[in-house]
Structures are given as C-alpha cells and as structure tokens.
Amino acid sequence: MATIVVERMVEVPEDVTLSLDGKKVTVAGAGGQVIKDFSHVWLNLERSDEGLRIWAINPKKRETSLVNTLASHINNMIKGVTDGFTYKLKVVFVHFPMTLRIQGQKLIIQNFIGERQPREAYIVGNAQVKIEGEDVIVEGVDIDEVAQTAANIQQATKIRRKDLRKFLDGIYVYSKE
C-alpha cells in the first residue's frame, strides 16, 4: 500500500519572523506579534528556510482539510503583522440618537432605541476601537480578535421582539479590509 502525504508550504516574507515551539506558532512583524497554539491539531509542523511546512501522513478526510485550514490561519497571521485588519461599522438610527463611548475593554452604547439601560459590547484582546462620527473602526493584528469585537458590537444592538423591517436601528459592519 502506498503512503499518501498531504502537505502545504506557507511562505514567510523577509520582513516577518516566524518561530515554532512544538505546535505553538509565533509570527512577528512591523505591526506586532500574533501567537497561536495549534496543539489540538494532529498534523506535523516543520520550520524550514522556505517557510513553514504543514503535512499529514495517511490522513483521514478531517486531517486533509485541516492542512489547508491551518495554512490559511498562518497566512492570516502573516497578513495581520504586515498589513493589519480593519473592520468598519456604521451607526444607524432613525429617531433616538445613540451615544457611544469606550470604557476600558467595553464599548458602551447609550440611548439605543430610547432604552434607559446602556448596552455593552466587549472588546476582545488587543483590538483597537475608534469612534469617528457615525463610524466605529476596529483595528488589530489578529483577525480573530478584530472580527469577534466587530461581531460583539453588532450583536449588542440586535433588535429583539420588534418588527425588524420597521426598526432598523443598530450598528452594522459595512467594510472589511
């Protein structure tokens, strides 16, 4: 029986340093540093001169798909430390103007559809949140932290128990860069 090897090579640019400690991958660049632990994955990782080699020997269907998934995660880490990720959200209201402020690791949303109790959205990790007029900008080097922070902000203004066709107030993601 022939041995089947599924592998993928991730190229590392010159201005990025990638280090491997077991299955803990650390990527550092001009934008910052991202560390992820892939010890739960049953794949082999090896650092070489060309980049990072990810492979599985005689894989099942799950391990075959995980090779490409892991390569995509590491490519996102490299893109994050070189360019960074930016999500832009738009504040939409019809009658009751919302006021937003950042307090520690929370975004406080006041006067949402006239509610007295403020709503809170948690800022995950090292994501940076800026409020510029009607826009909320979430930036960072880790795509997971940036995307989860944007999702927390959008979910905090979800309308419940009302007709969604009429009540369109909220904060919505309109751009991912």
N, C-alpha and C. Protein backbone atom coordinates (compact mmCIF):
# COMPACT_ATOMS: atom_id res chain seq x y z
N MET A 1 0.84 -1.18 0.00
CA MET A 1 0.00 0.00 0.00
C MET A 1 0.88 1.25 0.00
N ALA A 2 0.57 2.18 -0.84
CA ALA A 2 1.35 3.41 -0.97
C ALA A 2 1.05 4.37 0.17
N THR A 3 2.06 5.09 0.59
CA THR A 3 1.89 6.10 1.62
C THR A 3 1.45 7.40 0.97
N ILE A 4 0.41 7.97 1.51
CA ILE A 4 -0.11 9.23 1.00
C ILE A 4 0.31 10.35 1.94
N VAL A 5 0.90 11.39 1.39
CA VAL A 5 1.30 12.55 2.18
C VAL A 5 0.59 13.78 1.61
N VAL A 6 -0.15 14.47 2.48
CA VAL A 6 -0.80 15.72 2.11
C VAL A 6 -0.01 16.83 2.79
N GLU A 7 0.49 17.77 1.99
CA GLU A 7 1.30 18.83 2.58
C GLU A 7 1.02 20.17 1.93
N ARG A 8 1.37 21.20 2.67
CA ARG A 8 1.20 22.57 2.19
C ARG A 8 2.34 23.39 2.75
N MET A 9 2.90 24.24 1.91
CA MET A 9 4.01 25.09 2.31
C MET A 9 3.52 26.52 2.45
N VAL A 10 3.80 27.15 3.57
CA VAL A 10 3.44 28.55 3.80
C VAL A 10 4.72 29.37 3.69
N GLU A 11 4.75 30.28 2.72
CA GLU A 11 5.93 31.11 2.52
C GLU A 11 5.91 32.28 3.51
N VAL A 12 7.09 32.55 4.06
CA VAL A 12 7.23 33.63 5.03
C VAL A 12 8.02 34.76 4.39
N PRO A 13 7.47 35.99 4.34
CA PRO A 13 8.21 37.13 3.77
C PRO A 13 9.46 37.44 4.60
N GLU A 14 10.36 38.22 4.00
CA GLU A 14 11.63 38.52 4.67
C GLU A 14 11.46 39.42 5.89
N ASP A 15 10.46 40.31 5.87
CA ASP A 15 10.28 41.24 6.99
C ASP A 15 9.47 40.64 8.13
N VAL A 16 9.14 39.35 8.05
CA VAL A 16 8.35 38.67 9.07
C VAL A 16 9.18 37.54 9.66
N THR A 17 9.14 37.42 10.99
CA THR A 17 9.82 36.30 11.64
C THR A 17 8.76 35.32 12.14
N LEU A 18 8.94 34.06 11.79
CA LEU A 18 8.03 33.00 12.22
C LEU A 18 8.83 32.00 13.02
N SER A 19 8.39 31.75 14.25
CA SER A 19 9.07 30.77 15.07
C SER A 19 8.08 29.70 15.50
N LEU A 20 8.62 28.50 15.71
CA LEU A 20 7.80 27.34 16.02
C LEU A 20 8.34 26.70 17.28
N ASP A 21 7.47 26.56 18.29
CA ASP A 21 7.84 25.90 19.53
C ASP A 21 6.84 24.77 19.76
N GLY A 22 7.19 23.58 19.32
CA GLY A 22 6.23 22.48 19.33
C GLY A 22 5.19 22.74 18.27
N LYS A 23 3.96 22.99 18.68
CA LYS A 23 2.91 23.39 17.74
C LYS A 23 2.40 24.79 18.05
N LYS A 24 3.20 25.56 18.75
CA LYS A 24 2.87 26.94 19.06
C LYS A 24 3.59 27.84 18.05
N VAL A 25 2.81 28.54 17.23
CA VAL A 25 3.36 29.36 16.16
C VAL A 25 3.35 30.82 16.60
N THR A 26 4.50 31.49 16.46
CA THR A 26 4.64 32.90 16.78
C THR A 26 5.07 33.63 15.52
N VAL A 27 4.27 34.63 15.13
CA VAL A 27 4.58 35.43 13.95
C VAL A 27 4.76 36.87 14.42
N ALA A 28 5.90 37.47 14.08
CA ALA A 28 6.18 38.85 14.48
C ALA A 28 6.57 39.64 13.24
N GLY A 29 6.12 40.89 13.22
CA GLY A 29 6.43 41.77 12.10
C GLY A 29 6.36 43.21 12.53
N ALA A 30 6.26 44.10 11.55
CA ALA A 30 6.23 45.53 11.83
C ALA A 30 4.97 45.93 12.61
N GLY A 31 3.86 45.26 12.37
CA GLY A 31 2.60 45.61 13.02
C GLY A 31 2.46 45.10 14.44
N GLY A 32 3.20 44.07 14.78
CA GLY A 32 3.09 43.49 16.11
C GLY A 32 3.41 42.01 16.09
N GLN A 33 2.79 41.29 17.03
CA GLN A 33 3.07 39.88 17.19
C GLN A 33 1.78 39.12 17.43
N VAL A 34 1.65 37.94 16.80
CA VAL A 34 0.49 37.08 16.98
C VAL A 34 0.99 35.70 17.36
N ILE A 35 0.42 35.14 18.44
CA ILE A 35 0.80 33.81 18.92
C ILE A 35 -0.45 32.94 18.93
N LYS A 36 -0.34 31.75 18.31
CA LYS A 36 -1.44 30.80 18.33
C LYS A 36 -0.90 29.41 18.61
N ASP A 37 -1.68 28.67 19.40
CA ASP A 37 -1.30 27.31 19.77
C ASP A 37 -2.16 26.34 18.98
N PHE A 38 -1.52 25.50 18.18
CA PHE A 38 -2.22 24.50 17.37
C PHE A 38 -1.95 23.10 17.90
N SER A 39 -1.82 22.95 19.21
CA SER A 39 -1.51 21.64 19.77
C SER A 39 -2.68 20.67 19.69
N HIS A 40 -3.88 21.17 19.45
CA HIS A 40 -5.06 20.31 19.34
C HIS A 40 -5.17 19.64 17.97
N VAL A 41 -4.33 20.04 17.02
CA VAL A 41 -4.39 19.53 15.65
C VAL A 41 -3.41 18.38 15.51
N TRP A 42 -3.84 17.29 14.90
CA TRP A 42 -2.98 16.13 14.69
C TRP A 42 -2.25 16.22 13.36
N LEU A 43 -1.48 17.26 13.19
CA LEU A 43 -0.70 17.47 11.99
C LEU A 43 0.76 17.70 12.38
N ASN A 44 1.63 17.60 11.41
CA ASN A 44 3.05 17.85 11.64
C ASN A 44 3.41 19.23 11.11
N LEU A 45 4.19 19.97 11.89
CA LEU A 45 4.66 21.30 11.51
C LEU A 45 6.17 21.30 11.54
N GLU A 46 6.78 21.91 10.52
CA GLU A 46 8.23 21.97 10.47
C GLU A 46 8.66 23.29 9.84
N ARG A 47 9.58 23.99 10.50
CA ARG A 47 10.11 25.26 10.00
C ARG A 47 11.32 24.96 9.13
N SER A 48 11.35 25.54 7.93
CA SER A 48 12.48 25.37 7.04
C SER A 48 12.88 26.74 6.49
N ASP A 49 13.86 26.75 5.60
CA ASP A 49 14.34 28.01 5.03
C ASP A 49 13.29 28.66 4.14
N GLU A 50 12.49 27.85 3.43
CA GLU A 50 11.47 28.38 2.53
C GLU A 50 10.26 28.93 3.28
N GLY A 51 9.95 28.36 4.43
CA GLY A 51 8.78 28.78 5.18
C GLY A 51 8.39 27.74 6.20
N LEU A 52 7.09 27.50 6.31
CA LEU A 52 6.56 26.53 7.26
C LEU A 52 5.88 25.41 6.49
N ARG A 53 6.27 24.19 6.77
CA ARG A 53 5.69 23.02 6.10
C ARG A 53 4.68 22.38 7.03
N ILE A 54 3.47 22.16 6.51
CA ILE A 54 2.39 21.51 7.26
C ILE A 54 2.06 20.24 6.50
N TRP A 55 2.09 19.10 7.18
CA TRP A 55 1.80 17.87 6.47
C TRP A 55 1.17 16.82 7.37
N ALA A 56 0.53 15.83 6.70
CA ALA A 56 -0.07 14.69 7.38
C ALA A 56 0.22 13.45 6.54
N ILE A 57 0.54 12.36 7.22
CA ILE A 57 0.83 11.10 6.54
C ILE A 57 -0.38 10.19 6.68
N ASN A 58 -0.82 9.64 5.57
CA ASN A 58 -2.03 8.80 5.51
C ASN A 58 -3.20 9.44 6.23
N PRO A 59 -3.58 10.64 5.82
CA PRO A 59 -4.62 11.36 6.56
C PRO A 59 -6.02 10.85 6.26
N LYS A 60 -6.88 11.06 7.23
CA LYS A 60 -8.30 10.88 7.00
C LYS A 60 -8.83 12.18 6.40
N LYS A 61 -10.10 12.21 6.10
CA LYS A 61 -10.68 13.38 5.44
C LYS A 61 -10.53 14.64 6.30
N ARG A 62 -10.69 14.49 7.61
CA ARG A 62 -10.59 15.63 8.52
C ARG A 62 -9.18 16.21 8.53
N GLU A 63 -8.17 15.35 8.60
CA GLU A 63 -6.79 15.86 8.61
C GLU A 63 -6.42 16.50 7.28
N THR A 64 -6.95 15.95 6.18
CA THR A 64 -6.68 16.54 4.87
C THR A 64 -7.20 17.97 4.80
N SER A 65 -8.40 18.20 5.30
CA SER A 65 -8.95 19.55 5.27
C SER A 65 -8.25 20.46 6.28
N LEU A 66 -7.76 19.89 7.37
CA LEU A 66 -7.07 20.70 8.38
C LEU A 66 -5.73 21.24 7.89
N VAL A 67 -5.11 20.56 6.94
CA VAL A 67 -3.84 21.06 6.40
C VAL A 67 -4.05 22.42 5.76
N ASN A 68 -5.08 22.54 4.92
CA ASN A 68 -5.36 23.83 4.28
C ASN A 68 -5.88 24.86 5.27
N THR A 69 -6.67 24.42 6.25
CA THR A 69 -7.19 25.34 7.25
C THR A 69 -6.06 25.95 8.08
N LEU A 70 -5.14 25.12 8.49
CA LEU A 70 -4.01 25.59 9.28
C LEU A 70 -3.13 26.54 8.47
N ALA A 71 -2.94 26.24 7.17
CA ALA A 71 -2.17 27.13 6.31
C ALA A 71 -2.86 28.48 6.17
N SER A 72 -4.19 28.48 6.07
CA SER A 72 -4.93 29.75 5.98
C SER A 72 -4.80 30.56 7.26
N HIS A 73 -4.85 29.89 8.42
CA HIS A 73 -4.68 30.60 9.69
C HIS A 73 -3.31 31.26 9.76
N ILE A 74 -2.28 30.55 9.35
CA ILE A 74 -0.93 31.10 9.43
C ILE A 74 -0.75 32.22 8.41
N ASN A 75 -1.36 32.09 7.22
CA ASN A 75 -1.33 33.20 6.25
C ASN A 75 -2.02 34.43 6.80
N ASN A 76 -3.13 34.25 7.52
CA ASN A 76 -3.82 35.39 8.15
C ASN A 76 -2.95 36.02 9.24
N MET A 77 -2.19 35.21 9.96
CA MET A 77 -1.29 35.75 10.98
C MET A 77 -0.21 36.60 10.32
N ILE A 78 0.33 36.12 9.19
CA ILE A 78 1.36 36.87 8.47
C ILE A 78 0.79 38.17 7.91
N LYS A 79 -0.41 38.10 7.34
CA LYS A 79 -1.04 39.31 6.80
C LYS A 79 -1.35 40.31 7.92
N GLY A 80 -1.71 39.81 9.09
CA GLY A 80 -2.03 40.69 10.22
C GLY A 80 -0.84 41.48 10.71
N VAL A 81 0.33 40.83 10.81
CA VAL A 81 1.50 41.55 11.32
C VAL A 81 2.13 42.45 10.26
N THR A 82 1.80 42.24 8.98
CA THR A 82 2.34 43.13 7.96
C THR A 82 1.38 44.28 7.64
N ASP A 83 0.11 43.96 7.37
CA ASP A 83 -0.86 44.98 6.97
C ASP A 83 -1.86 45.32 8.06
N GLY A 84 -2.25 44.35 8.86
CA GLY A 84 -3.28 44.55 9.87
C GLY A 84 -4.67 44.35 9.28
N PHE A 85 -5.66 44.27 10.14
CA PHE A 85 -7.04 44.08 9.73
C PHE A 85 -7.88 45.25 10.25
N THR A 86 -8.83 45.69 9.43
CA THR A 86 -9.70 46.80 9.78
C THR A 86 -11.14 46.45 9.43
N TYR A 87 -12.02 46.55 10.40
CA TYR A 87 -13.46 46.39 10.17
C TYR A 87 -14.10 47.73 10.45
N LYS A 88 -14.97 48.17 9.54
CA LYS A 88 -15.68 49.43 9.72
C LYS A 88 -17.15 49.14 9.95
N LEU A 89 -17.72 49.79 10.95
CA LEU A 89 -19.12 49.62 11.29
C LEU A 89 -19.81 50.97 11.20
N LYS A 90 -21.06 50.97 10.78
CA LYS A 90 -21.85 52.19 10.63
C LYS A 90 -22.92 52.23 11.73
N VAL A 91 -23.05 53.37 12.39
CA VAL A 91 -24.08 53.58 13.40
C VAL A 91 -25.32 54.09 12.68
N VAL A 92 -26.44 53.35 12.81
CA VAL A 92 -27.68 53.70 12.12
C VAL A 92 -28.77 53.90 13.16
N PHE A 93 -29.44 55.07 13.10
CA PHE A 93 -30.60 55.31 13.97
C PHE A 93 -31.57 56.20 13.23
N VAL A 94 -32.85 56.11 13.61
CA VAL A 94 -33.88 56.88 12.95
C VAL A 94 -34.34 58.03 13.84
N HIS A 95 -34.73 57.70 15.06
CA HIS A 95 -35.31 58.72 15.92
C HIS A 95 -34.46 59.02 17.14
N PHE A 96 -34.02 57.99 17.86
CA PHE A 96 -33.25 58.18 19.09
C PHE A 96 -31.76 58.12 18.77
N PRO A 97 -31.05 59.24 18.92
CA PRO A 97 -29.61 59.21 18.62
C PRO A 97 -28.83 58.42 19.67
N MET A 98 -27.99 57.51 19.20
CA MET A 98 -27.15 56.70 20.10
C MET A 98 -25.90 57.48 20.45
N THR A 99 -25.42 57.28 21.66
CA THR A 99 -24.13 57.82 22.05
C THR A 99 -23.23 56.65 22.40
N LEU A 100 -22.00 56.69 21.89
CA LEU A 100 -21.04 55.62 22.10
C LEU A 100 -19.84 56.16 22.85
N ARG A 101 -19.31 55.33 23.74
CA ARG A 101 -18.07 55.70 24.42
C ARG A 101 -17.34 54.42 24.80
N ILE A 102 -16.04 54.52 24.88
CA ILE A 102 -15.21 53.38 25.22
C ILE A 102 -14.81 53.52 26.68
N GLN A 103 -15.03 52.43 27.43
CA GLN A 103 -14.70 52.42 28.85
C GLN A 103 -13.94 51.14 29.13
N GLY A 104 -12.61 51.23 29.17
CA GLY A 104 -11.79 50.04 29.40
C GLY A 104 -11.86 49.10 28.21
N GLN A 105 -12.28 47.87 28.45
CA GLN A 105 -12.42 46.87 27.40
C GLN A 105 -13.87 46.71 26.97
N LYS A 106 -14.68 47.76 27.10
CA LYS A 106 -16.08 47.72 26.71
C LYS A 106 -16.42 48.94 25.86
N LEU A 107 -17.36 48.74 24.94
CA LEU A 107 -17.96 49.84 24.21
C LEU A 107 -19.35 50.01 24.78
N ILE A 108 -19.64 51.17 25.34
CA ILE A 108 -20.92 51.45 25.97
C ILE A 108 -21.82 52.15 24.94
N ILE A 109 -23.02 51.60 24.73
CA ILE A 109 -23.98 52.14 23.77
C ILE A 109 -25.17 52.66 24.58
N GLN A 110 -25.37 53.97 24.58
CA GLN A 110 -26.44 54.57 25.36
C GLN A 110 -27.55 55.08 24.45
N ASN A 111 -28.77 55.07 24.97
CA ASN A 111 -29.97 55.58 24.31
C ASN A 111 -30.29 54.81 23.03
N PHE A 112 -30.01 53.51 23.03
CA PHE A 112 -30.35 52.68 21.87
C PHE A 112 -31.85 52.47 21.84
N ILE A 113 -32.52 52.90 20.80
CA ILE A 113 -33.98 52.93 20.59
C ILE A 113 -34.72 53.41 21.84
N GLY A 114 -34.10 54.38 22.53
CA GLY A 114 -34.74 55.02 23.67
C GLY A 114 -34.63 54.24 24.97
N GLU A 115 -33.83 53.20 25.02
CA GLU A 115 -33.69 52.40 26.25
C GLU A 115 -32.92 53.19 27.29
N ARG A 116 -33.32 53.03 28.54
CA ARG A 116 -32.62 53.71 29.63
C ARG A 116 -31.34 52.98 30.02
N GLN A 117 -31.39 51.68 29.96
CA GLN A 117 -30.23 50.87 30.34
C GLN A 117 -29.22 50.83 29.19
N PRO A 118 -27.95 51.19 29.43
CA PRO A 118 -26.96 51.13 28.34
C PRO A 118 -26.62 49.68 27.98
N ARG A 119 -26.28 49.48 26.73
CA ARG A 119 -25.84 48.16 26.26
C ARG A 119 -24.33 48.17 26.18
N GLU A 120 -23.71 46.99 26.35
CA GLU A 120 -22.26 46.89 26.36
C GLU A 120 -21.80 45.86 25.33
N ALA A 121 -20.70 46.17 24.67
CA ALA A 121 -20.05 45.24 23.75
C ALA A 121 -18.60 45.10 24.19
N TYR A 122 -18.15 43.87 24.34
CA TYR A 122 -16.80 43.62 24.84
C TYR A 122 -15.77 43.69 23.72
N ILE A 123 -14.65 44.31 24.01
CA ILE A 123 -13.53 44.42 23.08
C ILE A 123 -12.58 43.26 23.41
N VAL A 124 -12.34 42.42 22.43
CA VAL A 124 -11.57 41.20 22.65
C VAL A 124 -10.09 41.46 22.42
N GLY A 125 -9.26 40.99 23.34
CA GLY A 125 -7.81 41.02 23.18
C GLY A 125 -7.23 42.40 22.99
N ASN A 126 -6.38 42.54 21.97
CA ASN A 126 -5.68 43.79 21.71
C ASN A 126 -6.29 44.57 20.56
N ALA A 127 -7.54 44.33 20.24
CA ALA A 127 -8.20 45.07 19.16
C ALA A 127 -8.39 46.52 19.60
N GLN A 128 -8.16 47.43 18.66
CA GLN A 128 -8.30 48.86 18.93
C GLN A 128 -9.62 49.34 18.34
N VAL A 129 -10.43 50.04 19.13
CA VAL A 129 -11.72 50.55 18.68
C VAL A 129 -11.67 52.07 18.71
N LYS A 130 -12.06 52.69 17.58
CA LYS A 130 -12.12 54.15 17.49
C LYS A 130 -13.52 54.54 17.03
N ILE A 131 -14.02 55.62 17.59
CA ILE A 131 -15.33 56.15 17.20
C ILE A 131 -15.07 57.45 16.44
N GLU A 132 -15.49 57.47 15.17
CA GLU A 132 -15.30 58.66 14.34
C GLU A 132 -16.65 59.05 13.75
N GLY A 133 -17.37 59.90 14.45
CA GLY A 133 -18.68 60.35 13.98
C GLY A 133 -19.67 59.21 13.95
N GLU A 134 -20.15 58.85 12.76
CA GLU A 134 -21.12 57.77 12.60
C GLU A 134 -20.45 56.43 12.32
N ASP A 135 -19.13 56.37 12.38
CA ASP A 135 -18.40 55.14 12.11
C ASP A 135 -17.70 54.65 13.36
N VAL A 136 -17.64 53.33 13.49
CA VAL A 136 -16.85 52.67 14.52
C VAL A 136 -15.81 51.85 13.77
N ILE A 137 -14.53 52.07 14.06
CA ILE A 137 -13.45 51.39 13.36
C ILE A 137 -12.73 50.48 14.34
N VAL A 138 -12.65 49.20 13.97
CA VAL A 138 -11.98 48.19 14.78
C VAL A 138 -10.73 47.75 14.02
N GLU A 139 -9.57 47.88 14.65
CA GLU A 139 -8.29 47.54 14.01
C GLU A 139 -7.50 46.62 14.92
N GLY A 140 -6.62 45.83 14.30
CA GLY A 140 -5.75 44.95 15.06
C GLY A 140 -4.94 44.06 14.16
N VAL A 141 -4.06 43.26 14.77
CA VAL A 141 -3.21 42.35 14.00
C VAL A 141 -3.77 40.93 13.97
N ASP A 142 -4.62 40.57 14.92
CA ASP A 142 -5.20 39.23 14.97
C ASP A 142 -6.62 39.29 14.40
N ILE A 143 -6.86 38.58 13.32
CA ILE A 143 -8.17 38.63 12.66
C ILE A 143 -9.27 38.08 13.56
N ASP A 144 -8.95 37.12 14.42
CA ASP A 144 -9.96 36.56 15.31
C ASP A 144 -10.44 37.61 16.32
N GLU A 145 -9.52 38.37 16.88
CA GLU A 145 -9.88 39.40 17.85
C GLU A 145 -10.66 40.53 17.20
N VAL A 146 -10.23 40.96 16.02
CA VAL A 146 -10.90 42.06 15.32
C VAL A 146 -12.31 41.65 14.91
N ALA A 147 -12.44 40.47 14.32
CA ALA A 147 -13.75 40.01 13.85
C ALA A 147 -14.70 39.76 15.02
N GLN A 148 -14.20 39.19 16.12
CA GLN A 148 -15.06 38.93 17.26
C GLN A 148 -15.50 40.23 17.94
N THR A 149 -14.63 41.22 17.99
CA THR A 149 -15.01 42.52 18.55
C THR A 149 -16.09 43.17 17.71
N ALA A 150 -15.92 43.14 16.37
CA ALA A 150 -16.95 43.71 15.48
C ALA A 150 -18.27 42.96 15.63
N ALA A 151 -18.21 41.65 15.76
CA ALA A 151 -19.42 40.86 15.95
C ALA A 151 -20.09 41.17 17.29
N ASN A 152 -19.30 41.39 18.33
CA ASN A 152 -19.86 41.74 19.64
C ASN A 152 -20.59 43.08 19.58
N ILE A 153 -20.01 44.05 18.85
CA ILE A 153 -20.63 45.36 18.73
C ILE A 153 -21.94 45.26 17.96
N GLN A 154 -21.93 44.53 16.85
CA GLN A 154 -23.15 44.37 16.05
C GLN A 154 -24.21 43.59 16.82
N GLN A 155 -23.80 42.56 17.56
CA GLN A 155 -24.76 41.74 18.31
C GLN A 155 -25.36 42.51 19.49
N ALA A 156 -24.59 43.46 20.04
CA ALA A 156 -25.10 44.23 21.19
C ALA A 156 -26.29 45.09 20.81
N THR A 157 -26.40 45.46 19.54
CA THR A 157 -27.51 46.31 19.10
C THR A 157 -28.55 45.52 18.31
N LYS A 158 -28.63 44.24 18.58
CA LYS A 158 -29.63 43.42 17.88
C LYS A 158 -31.01 43.73 18.46
N ILE A 159 -31.98 43.92 17.56
CA ILE A 159 -33.36 44.22 17.96
C ILE A 159 -34.09 42.92 18.22
N ARG A 160 -34.73 42.84 19.37
CA ARG A 160 -35.50 41.65 19.71
C ARG A 160 -36.95 42.04 19.98
N ARG A 161 -37.85 41.16 19.64
CA ARG A 161 -39.29 41.31 19.91
C ARG A 161 -39.89 42.56 19.26
N LYS A 162 -39.35 42.96 18.12
CA LYS A 162 -39.92 44.07 17.35
C LYS A 162 -39.83 43.70 15.87
N ASP A 163 -40.59 44.38 15.04
CA ASP A 163 -40.58 44.12 13.61
C ASP A 163 -39.27 44.66 13.01
N LEU A 164 -38.43 43.76 12.52
CA LEU A 164 -37.12 44.16 12.01
C LEU A 164 -37.20 44.98 10.74
N ARG A 165 -38.32 44.93 10.04
CA ARG A 165 -38.48 45.74 8.83
C ARG A 165 -38.72 47.21 9.17
N LYS A 166 -39.23 47.46 10.38
CA LYS A 166 -39.53 48.82 10.78
C LYS A 166 -38.43 49.42 11.67
N PHE A 167 -37.89 48.63 12.58
CA PHE A 167 -36.85 49.08 13.50
C PHE A 167 -35.49 48.68 12.92
N LEU A 168 -34.86 49.60 12.20
CA LEU A 168 -33.59 49.32 11.53
C LEU A 168 -32.40 49.86 12.29
N ASP A 169 -32.61 50.36 13.50
CA ASP A 169 -31.52 50.93 14.28
C ASP A 169 -30.49 49.84 14.62
N GLY A 170 -29.24 50.25 14.72
CA GLY A 170 -28.19 49.32 15.10
C GLY A 170 -26.84 49.79 14.62
N ILE A 171 -25.86 48.94 14.83
CA ILE A 171 -24.50 49.18 14.36
C ILE A 171 -24.15 47.99 13.48
N TYR A 172 -23.82 48.25 12.21
CA TYR A 172 -23.64 47.20 11.23
C TYR A 172 -22.28 47.27 10.56
N VAL A 173 -21.66 46.10 10.32
CA VAL A 173 -20.39 46.01 9.61
C VAL A 173 -20.64 46.31 8.14
N TYR A 174 -19.87 47.25 7.57
CA TYR A 174 -20.04 47.53 6.16
C TYR A 174 -18.73 47.41 5.36
N SER A 175 -17.62 47.23 6.02
CA SER A 175 -16.37 47.09 5.29
C SER A 175 -15.39 46.26 6.10
N LYS A 176 -14.71 45.34 5.38
CA LYS A 176 -13.65 44.52 5.97
C LYS A 176 -12.41 44.68 5.11
N GLU A 177 -11.33 45.16 5.71
CA GLU A 177 -10.09 45.40 4.95
C GLU A 177 -8.93 44.68 5.61
